[in-house]
Amino acid sequence: MKRILLAIVPAVALMVGLAVLVSAEPMGYGAGPAGPLDYTGKEYVGDQQCIGCHVDVYEDYRHTSHPGKAGDEATIVQEAIDTWSEEMLHPFGNPVVFDADEPTGIAGTRDMTLADGTELPGISGVYVVQESERQFRADFYDASEDLVHSTPVNLFHIGAPMYRQAYAVNLRDGYGTRLLKYQYSLDDFGHFYTWRDRNQARIYEVNCIGCHVVGFDLPKWEADKNLDISETTVNLGIGCESCHGPGSLHVADPFDMDLIVNPVVDLTKDQQVHVCSQCHIRGWEHDGEGERTGRQDNIRFRPGDSVLEYFEPWTLDLGVGNARVATDGKARASRQQFMDHYIGNHAELACTDCHGWHANNAEGKLFVEDTLEAVCATCHGPTYGDDEQIRALINGRVGWEDADAGWWMNHTYRNDEQGRVIGFAPDAWPEDGNWPWDQEGFRWDWE
């Protein structure tokens, strides 16, 4: 612990001075102020419509983690394919989760009717197994553990292999796409991959899909919940239009650059942050009037919008905390960079001051420079610290017990005198207990 603190303290002192050191001319923000953009007549068309003109950009982009946020059998990592049939999953296969905390994925039994009219009473478990290396089927077992039905299924992965791949199938039972019990992921974000119990009973299209695909058509899915996710989206994974907006008019007239959003030219700093935050935020979608819809993704967002127009972040409960937000406001789970960014001391920056738009660096990370040291040196100069010190600084769990642990990637960049990562400084907790954007006098830079 002492060695970690010695590494952190010099870096913290320089971090605190960021507001003075940062350039007055950021790397690329729109002229602003900008308001919501006009998307009248624009529809999503998918990455394949972009590649023809932007082949070099897309070749770099496809190697980042974003396009891999969802995919079919062809893009499942080979190591998962090679070990799929190991009994560490289940002797019958990888269970489809209907009920959490059930080894078979089903609590008791279920009567099921498939889209082709097949009646399956008393099913105690459904397991996905390999027919061949990249072809899969679902096996249905009754309470006596007898195999009563098998059917081919299309297997999809969700989550990029940098951290994990979870898996999902649509059994065509009228409900939508369900997750499988076991995912292939980093072992507690260590340095090796293993099969781990995800154990989440949810329908993918109900609250997850918006942050994994482009152009999800919710009405189409609601009309036919037996459709695969490839049939209700324009492409799997985070694609060009996630950040540039629906591209149909631009594809029809590619020389009119006003028909597509260029975030660097068209959006202010805060609007650029909101583009990233359409997914890097945790909370609940609402209808625009504050009434929650039940979703946890922000499928109405378009570049230029406020991410909060139809989304409510997790509640800030200072001094108490909850499952997602620690007692001092910092993230306790993934995808909360939006909240951490605005309670931290880097709120004057855009995400892309540090992170790349389209390409990984030499380390395979989405940074604008080849090393973390070089990223920080952009503002702090060449004596900021080495990569080891900086990696220690951004370890969100440094110094904290499990009860108050922060998310492993720190985006507040604030530490107390013990070198522990904190959210709001203890002497600066807002009296009203609100997030910064809810406090009196706060303004977005496009307002």
Protein backbone atom coordinates (compact mmCIF):
# COMPACT_ATOMS: atom_id res chain seq x y z
CA MET A 1 0.00 0.00 0.00
CA LYS A 2 2.83 2.41 0.87
CA ARG A 3 4.40 1.90 -2.57
CA ILE A 4 1.08 2.68 -4.27
CA LEU A 5 0.66 5.89 -2.30
CA LEU A 6 4.18 7.03 -3.09
CA ALA A 7 3.38 6.56 -6.76
CA ILE A 8 0.09 8.40 -6.52
CA VAL A 9 0.85 11.46 -4.44
CA PRO A 10 3.10 13.34 -6.94
CA ALA A 11 0.56 12.71 -9.69
CA VAL A 12 -2.34 13.91 -7.56
CA ALA A 13 -0.65 17.23 -6.91
CA LEU A 14 -0.36 17.85 -10.62
CA MET A 15 -3.90 16.61 -11.30
CA VAL A 16 -5.30 19.23 -8.94
CA GLY A 17 -3.70 21.94 -11.07
CA LEU A 18 -5.29 20.77 -14.30
CA ALA A 19 -7.61 23.76 -14.62
CA VAL A 20 -4.56 26.03 -14.80
CA LEU A 21 -2.49 23.83 -17.06
CA VAL A 22 -5.06 22.85 -19.66
CA SER A 23 -4.92 24.73 -22.94
CA ALA A 24 -7.46 27.47 -23.57
CA GLU A 25 -8.04 25.98 -27.03
CA PRO A 26 -9.23 22.37 -26.62
CA MET A 27 -8.51 19.78 -29.26
CA GLY A 28 -11.78 19.91 -31.14
CA TYR A 29 -15.07 21.42 -30.04
CA GLY A 30 -17.79 22.97 -32.12
CA ALA A 31 -18.04 26.73 -32.30
CA GLY A 32 -21.29 26.61 -30.28
CA PRO A 33 -23.60 27.45 -28.86
CA ALA A 34 -25.51 24.63 -30.55
CA GLY A 35 -29.00 23.35 -29.91
CA PRO A 36 -30.72 20.09 -30.80
CA LEU A 37 -30.08 19.12 -34.41
CA ASP A 38 -32.73 18.48 -37.05
CA TYR A 39 -33.18 14.78 -37.87
CA THR A 40 -36.31 15.16 -39.96
CA GLY A 41 -36.35 12.55 -42.74
CA LYS A 42 -33.14 10.88 -41.58
CA GLU A 43 -33.08 7.13 -41.01
CA TYR A 44 -30.43 4.66 -39.90
CA VAL A 45 -28.81 2.74 -42.73
CA GLY A 46 -25.94 0.78 -41.11
CA ASP A 47 -22.16 0.73 -41.37
CA GLN A 48 -22.10 -1.02 -44.74
CA GLN A 49 -23.45 2.16 -46.33
CA CYS A 50 -20.53 4.14 -44.86
CA ILE A 51 -17.64 1.85 -45.70
CA GLY A 52 -17.60 2.57 -49.42
CA CYS A 53 -16.43 6.15 -48.91
CA HIS A 54 -14.76 5.80 -45.51
CA VAL A 55 -12.94 2.50 -45.91
CA ASP A 56 -9.70 3.58 -44.20
CA VAL A 57 -11.49 5.12 -41.22
CA TYR A 58 -13.68 2.07 -40.78
CA GLU A 59 -10.73 -0.32 -41.08
CA ASP A 60 -9.22 1.36 -38.02
CA TYR A 61 -12.56 1.66 -36.23
CA ARG A 62 -13.48 -2.01 -36.53
CA HIS A 63 -10.45 -2.91 -34.40
CA THR A 64 -11.74 -0.87 -31.47
CA SER A 65 -14.06 -2.39 -28.87
CA HIS A 66 -17.21 -0.56 -30.00
CA PRO A 67 -18.19 -2.61 -33.09
CA GLY A 68 -17.86 -5.77 -30.98
CA LYS A 69 -20.57 -4.76 -28.50
CA ALA A 70 -22.85 -7.23 -30.26
CA GLY A 71 -22.38 -9.83 -32.97
CA ASP A 72 -23.41 -13.20 -34.32
CA GLU A 73 -21.72 -16.62 -34.21
CA ALA A 74 -18.97 -15.49 -36.57
CA THR A 75 -17.58 -12.96 -34.07
CA ILE A 76 -17.68 -15.06 -30.90
CA VAL A 77 -14.13 -15.29 -29.55
CA GLN A 78 -12.39 -18.50 -30.56
CA GLU A 79 -11.45 -19.40 -26.98
CA ALA A 80 -15.14 -19.48 -26.02
CA ILE A 81 -15.94 -21.64 -29.04
CA ASP A 82 -13.13 -24.03 -28.15
CA THR A 83 -14.26 -24.46 -24.54
CA TRP A 84 -18.04 -24.20 -24.96
CA SER A 85 -18.72 -27.88 -24.28
CA GLU A 86 -16.71 -28.15 -21.06
CA GLU A 87 -18.75 -29.40 -18.12
CA MET A 88 -17.79 -26.32 -16.12
CA LEU A 89 -20.92 -24.79 -17.70
CA HIS A 90 -23.46 -27.56 -17.13
CA PRO A 91 -23.55 -31.20 -18.28
CA PHE A 92 -26.41 -30.34 -20.66
CA GLY A 93 -24.95 -27.07 -22.03
CA ASN A 94 -25.16 -23.33 -21.27
CA PRO A 95 -28.55 -22.69 -19.57
CA VAL A 96 -30.94 -20.03 -20.87
CA VAL A 97 -31.83 -17.85 -17.88
CA PHE A 98 -35.52 -17.45 -17.16
CA ASP A 99 -35.06 -17.12 -13.38
CA ALA A 100 -31.93 -15.88 -11.58
CA ASP A 101 -30.09 -18.05 -9.05
CA GLU A 102 -31.24 -21.27 -10.71
CA PRO A 103 -28.58 -23.74 -11.93
CA THR A 104 -30.93 -24.85 -14.71
CA GLY A 105 -32.05 -21.29 -15.49
CA ILE A 106 -35.67 -22.17 -14.67
CA ALA A 107 -37.23 -22.26 -11.20
CA GLY A 108 -39.44 -25.34 -11.25
CA THR A 109 -40.92 -25.90 -14.72
CA ARG A 110 -42.45 -23.81 -17.50
CA ASP A 111 -45.03 -24.59 -20.16
CA MET A 112 -43.70 -23.27 -23.45
CA THR A 113 -45.15 -22.76 -26.93
CA LEU A 114 -42.76 -22.03 -29.80
CA ALA A 115 -43.51 -19.96 -32.89
CA ASP A 116 -43.83 -23.07 -35.06
CA GLY A 117 -46.64 -24.35 -32.85
CA THR A 118 -44.58 -26.82 -30.83
CA GLU A 119 -46.13 -27.35 -27.38
CA LEU A 120 -43.61 -28.07 -24.61
CA PRO A 121 -45.24 -28.53 -21.18
CA GLY A 122 -43.22 -28.88 -18.00
CA ILE A 123 -39.84 -27.71 -19.27
CA SER A 124 -37.26 -27.61 -16.45
CA GLY A 125 -34.33 -26.21 -18.43
CA VAL A 126 -33.22 -25.05 -21.89
CA TYR A 127 -29.55 -25.46 -22.77
CA VAL A 128 -27.55 -24.11 -25.71
CA VAL A 129 -25.03 -26.62 -27.10
CA GLN A 130 -22.79 -26.80 -30.15
CA GLU A 131 -23.92 -28.64 -33.26
CA SER A 132 -20.57 -27.84 -34.83
CA GLU A 133 -17.94 -25.22 -34.06
CA ARG A 134 -20.12 -22.17 -34.82
CA GLN A 135 -23.58 -23.69 -35.12
CA PHE A 136 -25.76 -24.06 -32.05
CA ARG A 137 -29.02 -25.65 -30.95
CA ALA A 138 -31.30 -25.38 -27.93
CA ASP A 139 -32.13 -28.59 -26.05
CA PHE A 140 -35.32 -28.64 -23.96
CA TYR A 141 -35.48 -30.95 -20.92
CA ASP A 142 -38.44 -31.92 -18.75
CA ALA A 143 -38.58 -32.40 -14.97
CA SER A 144 -37.25 -35.95 -15.33
CA GLU A 145 -34.21 -34.56 -17.16
CA ASP A 146 -35.32 -36.21 -20.38
CA LEU A 147 -34.54 -34.43 -23.65
CA VAL A 148 -37.93 -33.68 -25.21
CA HIS A 149 -37.10 -31.23 -28.01
CA SER A 150 -34.19 -29.67 -29.92
CA THR A 151 -34.14 -26.76 -32.35
CA PRO A 152 -31.40 -24.79 -34.13
CA VAL A 153 -30.81 -21.30 -32.72
CA ASN A 154 -28.85 -18.24 -33.75
CA LEU A 155 -26.43 -17.35 -30.99
CA PHE A 156 -25.49 -13.71 -30.42
CA HIS A 157 -22.84 -12.20 -28.18
CA ILE A 158 -23.13 -8.94 -26.29
CA GLY A 159 -20.15 -7.07 -24.88
CA ALA A 160 -16.77 -6.63 -26.53
CA PRO A 161 -14.15 -9.35 -25.95
CA MET A 162 -11.78 -6.81 -24.39
CA TYR A 163 -13.67 -7.45 -21.13
CA ARG A 164 -16.33 -10.07 -21.75
CA GLN A 165 -18.71 -11.74 -24.11
CA ALA A 166 -22.12 -12.65 -22.79
CA TYR A 167 -24.42 -14.73 -24.98
CA ALA A 168 -28.10 -14.60 -25.90
CA VAL A 169 -30.67 -16.49 -27.97
CA ASN A 170 -34.24 -15.99 -29.11
CA LEU A 171 -36.05 -19.29 -28.53
CA ARG A 172 -39.03 -17.98 -30.53
CA ASP A 173 -41.35 -18.45 -27.57
CA GLY A 174 -42.88 -14.99 -27.92
CA TYR A 175 -40.80 -13.16 -25.33
CA GLY A 176 -37.61 -12.00 -27.06
CA THR A 177 -33.90 -12.62 -26.62
CA ARG A 178 -32.76 -14.13 -23.33
CA LEU A 179 -29.26 -14.22 -21.83
CA LEU A 180 -27.38 -17.43 -21.19
CA LYS A 181 -26.17 -18.20 -17.68
CA TYR A 182 -22.42 -18.30 -18.37
CA GLN A 183 -20.35 -15.59 -20.03
CA TYR A 184 -16.71 -15.69 -21.15
CA SER A 185 -14.93 -12.82 -19.46
CA LEU A 186 -11.92 -11.45 -17.66
CA ASP A 187 -11.61 -12.92 -14.18
CA ASP A 188 -12.68 -9.97 -12.02
CA PHE A 189 -10.88 -7.73 -14.51
CA GLY A 190 -7.62 -9.59 -13.91
CA HIS A 191 -5.37 -10.85 -16.66
CA PHE A 192 -7.00 -14.08 -17.81
CA TYR A 193 -10.35 -15.14 -19.23
CA THR A 194 -12.68 -17.75 -17.83
CA TRP A 195 -16.30 -18.85 -17.86
CA ARG A 196 -18.26 -16.93 -15.22
CA ASP A 197 -21.84 -17.04 -13.99
CA ARG A 198 -23.69 -13.97 -15.31
CA ASN A 199 -27.02 -15.10 -13.83
CA GLN A 200 -29.23 -12.29 -15.16
CA ALA A 201 -32.86 -12.99 -15.95
CA ARG A 202 -33.72 -10.31 -18.47
CA ILE A 203 -34.97 -9.84 -22.00
CA TYR A 204 -32.22 -8.19 -24.03
CA GLU A 205 -34.55 -5.97 -26.08
CA VAL A 206 -36.30 -4.61 -22.99
CA ASN A 207 -33.49 -2.59 -21.44
CA CYS A 208 -30.02 -3.44 -22.82
CA ILE A 209 -29.98 -3.33 -26.59
CA GLY A 210 -29.71 0.42 -27.20
CA CYS A 211 -26.06 0.48 -26.10
CA HIS A 212 -25.03 -2.50 -28.22
CA VAL A 213 -26.50 -1.90 -31.70
CA VAL A 214 -27.42 0.79 -34.21
CA GLY A 215 -30.99 1.69 -35.11
CA PHE A 216 -32.97 -0.68 -32.88
CA ASP A 217 -36.59 -0.67 -34.10
CA LEU A 218 -38.60 -1.05 -30.91
CA PRO A 219 -42.05 -1.01 -32.59
CA LYS A 220 -40.94 -3.72 -35.03
CA TRP A 221 -39.74 -5.91 -32.18
CA GLU A 222 -42.86 -5.32 -30.11
CA ALA A 223 -44.93 -6.45 -33.11
CA ASP A 224 -42.97 -9.71 -33.39
CA LYS A 225 -40.81 -10.68 -30.41
CA ASN A 226 -39.64 -13.83 -32.22
CA LEU A 227 -37.38 -11.75 -34.48
CA ASP A 228 -33.62 -12.06 -33.94
CA ILE A 229 -31.76 -8.90 -32.93
CA SER A 230 -30.14 -8.85 -36.39
CA GLU A 231 -33.65 -8.41 -37.84
CA THR A 232 -34.63 -5.46 -35.64
CA THR A 233 -31.42 -3.41 -36.01
CA VAL A 234 -29.50 -1.95 -38.95
CA ASN A 235 -26.25 -3.38 -37.61
CA LEU A 236 -24.93 -5.14 -34.56
CA GLY A 237 -22.38 -3.28 -32.46
CA ILE A 238 -21.80 0.44 -31.94
CA GLY A 239 -21.43 1.87 -35.42
CA CYS A 240 -20.84 5.07 -37.34
CA GLU A 241 -24.37 6.40 -36.83
CA SER A 242 -24.19 6.04 -33.05
CA CYS A 243 -22.00 9.17 -33.03
CA HIS A 244 -22.77 10.75 -36.42
CA GLY A 245 -26.55 10.31 -36.37
CA PRO A 246 -28.86 8.62 -38.90
CA GLY A 247 -27.16 8.68 -42.30
CA SER A 248 -29.79 8.04 -44.97
CA LEU A 249 -29.82 11.60 -46.38
CA HIS A 250 -26.02 11.81 -46.33
CA VAL A 251 -25.74 8.51 -48.21
CA ALA A 252 -28.15 9.86 -50.84
CA ASP A 253 -26.13 13.08 -51.18
CA PRO A 254 -22.62 12.40 -49.80
CA PHE A 255 -21.18 15.77 -50.84
CA ASP A 256 -23.60 17.72 -48.65
CA MET A 257 -21.81 17.60 -45.28
CA ASP A 258 -24.72 19.36 -43.59
CA LEU A 259 -26.66 16.11 -43.86
CA ILE A 260 -24.48 14.24 -41.37
CA VAL A 261 -23.24 15.19 -37.91
CA ASN A 262 -19.53 15.84 -37.50
CA PRO A 263 -19.21 16.02 -33.70
CA VAL A 264 -15.96 18.03 -33.80
CA VAL A 265 -17.46 20.69 -36.08
CA ASP A 266 -21.11 20.66 -35.11
CA LEU A 267 -21.16 19.98 -31.37
CA THR A 268 -19.98 21.86 -28.32
CA LYS A 269 -17.81 20.23 -25.69
CA ASP A 270 -20.74 19.20 -23.51
CA GLN A 271 -22.67 17.89 -26.49
CA GLN A 272 -19.68 15.76 -27.46
CA VAL A 273 -19.56 14.36 -23.92
CA HIS A 274 -23.26 13.59 -24.18
CA VAL A 275 -22.68 11.60 -27.38
CA CYS A 276 -20.43 9.24 -25.43
CA SER A 277 -22.74 9.38 -22.45
CA GLN A 278 -25.73 7.99 -24.32
CA CYS A 279 -24.21 4.65 -23.27
CA HIS A 280 -21.70 5.60 -20.57
CA ILE A 281 -24.38 6.40 -18.01
CA ARG A 282 -26.47 4.30 -15.64
CA GLY A 283 -30.08 4.91 -14.77
CA TRP A 284 -33.56 4.77 -16.28
CA GLU A 285 -35.17 6.03 -19.46
CA HIS A 286 -38.18 8.31 -18.98
CA ASP A 287 -40.80 9.70 -21.33
CA GLY A 288 -39.62 13.31 -21.23
CA GLU A 289 -42.02 14.16 -18.44
CA GLY A 290 -40.19 12.21 -15.76
CA GLU A 291 -42.26 9.01 -15.99
CA ARG A 292 -39.96 5.99 -16.23
CA THR A 293 -40.51 3.61 -19.16
CA GLY A 294 -38.82 0.61 -17.54
CA ARG A 295 -35.83 0.71 -19.89
CA GLN A 296 -32.23 1.26 -18.81
CA ASP A 297 -30.90 2.37 -22.20
CA ASN A 298 -31.42 5.67 -23.98
CA ILE A 299 -32.81 4.63 -27.36
CA ARG A 300 -34.23 8.07 -28.21
CA PHE A 301 -30.89 9.88 -28.03
CA ARG A 302 -29.42 11.49 -31.16
CA PRO A 303 -26.10 13.40 -31.35
CA GLY A 304 -26.67 16.99 -30.27
CA ASP A 305 -29.35 16.05 -27.75
CA SER A 306 -29.02 16.29 -24.00
CA VAL A 307 -28.50 12.78 -22.65
CA LEU A 308 -30.82 13.76 -19.78
CA GLU A 309 -33.78 14.71 -21.98
CA TYR A 310 -35.11 11.15 -21.80
CA PHE A 311 -32.86 9.66 -19.14
CA GLU A 312 -32.56 9.84 -15.36
CA PRO A 313 -29.19 8.85 -13.86
CA TRP A 314 -28.95 6.74 -10.74
CA THR A 315 -29.86 8.68 -7.63
CA LEU A 316 -27.08 10.48 -5.78
CA ASP A 317 -27.39 9.48 -2.11
CA LEU A 318 -24.45 11.14 -0.39
CA GLY A 319 -23.39 9.50 2.85
CA VAL A 320 -25.42 6.38 2.13
CA GLY A 321 -24.72 5.16 -1.39
CA ASN A 322 -26.43 2.41 -3.35
CA ALA A 323 -25.63 -0.46 -5.68
CA ARG A 324 -24.31 1.83 -8.44
CA VAL A 325 -23.18 5.02 -6.70
CA ALA A 326 -20.80 5.06 -3.72
CA THR A 327 -21.31 7.12 -0.57
CA ASP A 328 -19.35 10.05 -2.02
CA GLY A 329 -20.98 9.99 -5.46
CA LYS A 330 -18.37 8.10 -7.50
CA ALA A 331 -19.21 5.14 -9.70
CA ARG A 332 -19.46 1.67 -8.20
CA ALA A 333 -20.22 -0.06 -11.50
CA SER A 334 -19.37 0.20 -15.17
CA ARG A 335 -20.71 2.72 -17.68
CA GLN A 336 -20.99 5.67 -15.28
CA GLN A 337 -18.33 7.88 -16.80
CA PHE A 338 -20.88 10.66 -17.40
CA MET A 339 -21.58 11.04 -13.68
CA ASP A 340 -17.93 10.72 -12.65
CA HIS A 341 -16.80 13.19 -15.30
CA TYR A 342 -19.02 16.00 -14.03
CA ILE A 343 -18.22 15.51 -10.33
CA GLY A 344 -14.50 15.27 -11.09
CA ASN A 345 -11.85 17.87 -11.84
CA HIS A 346 -11.76 17.24 -15.60
CA ALA A 347 -15.28 18.46 -16.37
CA GLU A 348 -13.92 21.20 -18.66
CA LEU A 349 -12.61 18.53 -21.06
CA ALA A 350 -14.37 16.45 -23.69
CA CYS A 351 -13.99 12.68 -23.66
CA THR A 352 -12.03 12.85 -26.90
CA ASP A 353 -9.34 15.06 -25.41
CA CYS A 354 -8.04 11.77 -24.03
CA HIS A 355 -9.89 9.10 -26.00
CA GLY A 356 -9.79 8.51 -29.75
CA TRP A 357 -12.82 8.67 -32.03
CA HIS A 358 -11.99 6.01 -34.57
CA ALA A 359 -8.79 4.13 -33.74
CA ASN A 360 -6.88 2.44 -30.94
CA ASN A 361 -3.38 3.51 -29.98
CA ALA A 362 -0.26 1.33 -30.22
CA GLU A 363 -1.29 -0.49 -27.03
CA GLY A 364 -4.67 -1.37 -28.48
CA LYS A 365 -6.46 1.15 -26.25
CA LEU A 366 -8.82 3.90 -27.36
CA PHE A 367 -6.51 6.81 -26.46
CA VAL A 368 -5.26 9.73 -28.53
CA GLU A 369 -1.63 8.99 -27.67
CA ASP A 370 0.40 5.78 -27.65
CA THR A 371 0.81 5.69 -23.87
CA LEU A 372 -1.11 6.98 -20.88
CA GLU A 373 1.91 9.05 -19.94
CA ALA A 374 1.72 10.84 -23.28
CA VAL A 375 -2.03 11.41 -22.90
CA CYS A 376 -1.55 13.14 -19.57
CA ALA A 377 1.51 15.01 -20.81
CA THR A 378 -0.69 16.72 -23.41
CA CYS A 379 -1.83 19.05 -20.64
CA HIS A 380 0.54 18.35 -17.76
CA GLY A 381 3.88 18.37 -19.57
CA PRO A 382 6.57 15.71 -19.91
CA THR A 383 7.30 15.36 -16.18
CA TYR A 384 3.83 14.23 -15.19
CA GLY A 385 4.74 10.65 -14.26
CA ASP A 386 5.31 7.27 -15.85
CA ASP A 387 2.62 4.90 -17.05
CA GLU A 388 2.80 2.80 -13.88
CA GLN A 389 2.11 5.81 -11.69
CA ILE A 390 -0.74 6.94 -13.91
CA ARG A 391 -2.32 3.49 -13.98
CA ALA A 392 -2.20 3.48 -10.19
CA LEU A 393 -3.89 6.87 -10.16
CA ILE A 394 -6.78 5.78 -12.36
CA ASN A 395 -7.40 2.61 -10.35
CA GLY A 396 -10.81 3.52 -8.97
CA ARG A 397 -10.57 1.01 -6.13
CA VAL A 398 -7.33 2.25 -4.60
CA GLY A 399 -7.56 2.37 -0.82
CA TRP A 400 -11.24 1.53 -0.51
CA GLU A 401 -12.84 -1.37 1.32
CA ASP A 402 -15.37 -3.46 -0.60
CA ALA A 403 -18.31 -1.60 0.90
CA ASP A 404 -17.20 1.67 -0.70
CA ALA A 405 -15.31 0.32 -3.69
CA GLY A 406 -15.34 2.47 -6.78
CA TRP A 407 -15.41 1.23 -10.36
CA TRP A 408 -12.02 -0.02 -11.44
CA MET A 409 -11.53 2.78 -14.00
CA ASN A 410 -11.50 6.11 -12.21
CA HIS A 411 -13.00 9.06 -14.11
CA THR A 412 -13.10 11.55 -11.23
CA TYR A 413 -9.28 11.71 -10.89
CA ARG A 414 -9.66 13.08 -7.39
CA ASN A 415 -7.89 11.56 -4.37
CA ASP A 416 -7.96 12.28 -0.64
CA GLU A 417 -4.87 12.72 1.52
CA GLN A 418 -4.62 8.93 1.94
CA GLY A 419 -4.47 8.47 -1.82
CA ARG A 420 -7.96 6.98 -1.99
CA VAL A 421 -10.09 7.71 -5.03
CA ILE A 422 -13.06 9.89 -4.11
CA GLY A 423 -16.04 11.44 -5.84
CA PHE A 424 -17.20 14.68 -4.27
CA ALA A 425 -14.55 15.96 -1.89
CA PRO A 426 -15.75 15.51 1.74
CA ASP A 427 -15.79 19.27 2.33
CA ALA A 428 -17.63 19.95 -0.94
CA TRP A 429 -20.69 17.71 -0.79
CA PRO A 430 -23.61 19.66 -2.25
CA GLU A 431 -26.08 20.56 0.49
CA ASP A 432 -29.04 19.67 -1.72
CA GLY A 433 -27.51 16.25 -2.47
CA ASN A 434 -27.92 16.75 -6.21
CA TRP A 435 -25.71 15.97 -9.19
CA PRO A 436 -23.88 19.06 -10.53
CA TRP A 437 -26.30 19.56 -13.43
CA ASP A 438 -29.23 19.68 -10.97
CA GLN A 439 -27.65 22.40 -8.84
CA GLU A 440 -28.61 26.05 -9.07
CA GLY A 441 -26.57 28.00 -11.60
CA PHE A 442 -25.30 25.04 -13.60
CA ARG A 443 -25.40 25.56 -17.38
CA TRP A 444 -24.47 23.35 -20.30
CA ASP A 445 -22.20 25.07 -22.80
CA TRP A 446 -24.82 25.02 -25.55
CA GLU A 447 -27.44 26.84 -23.45
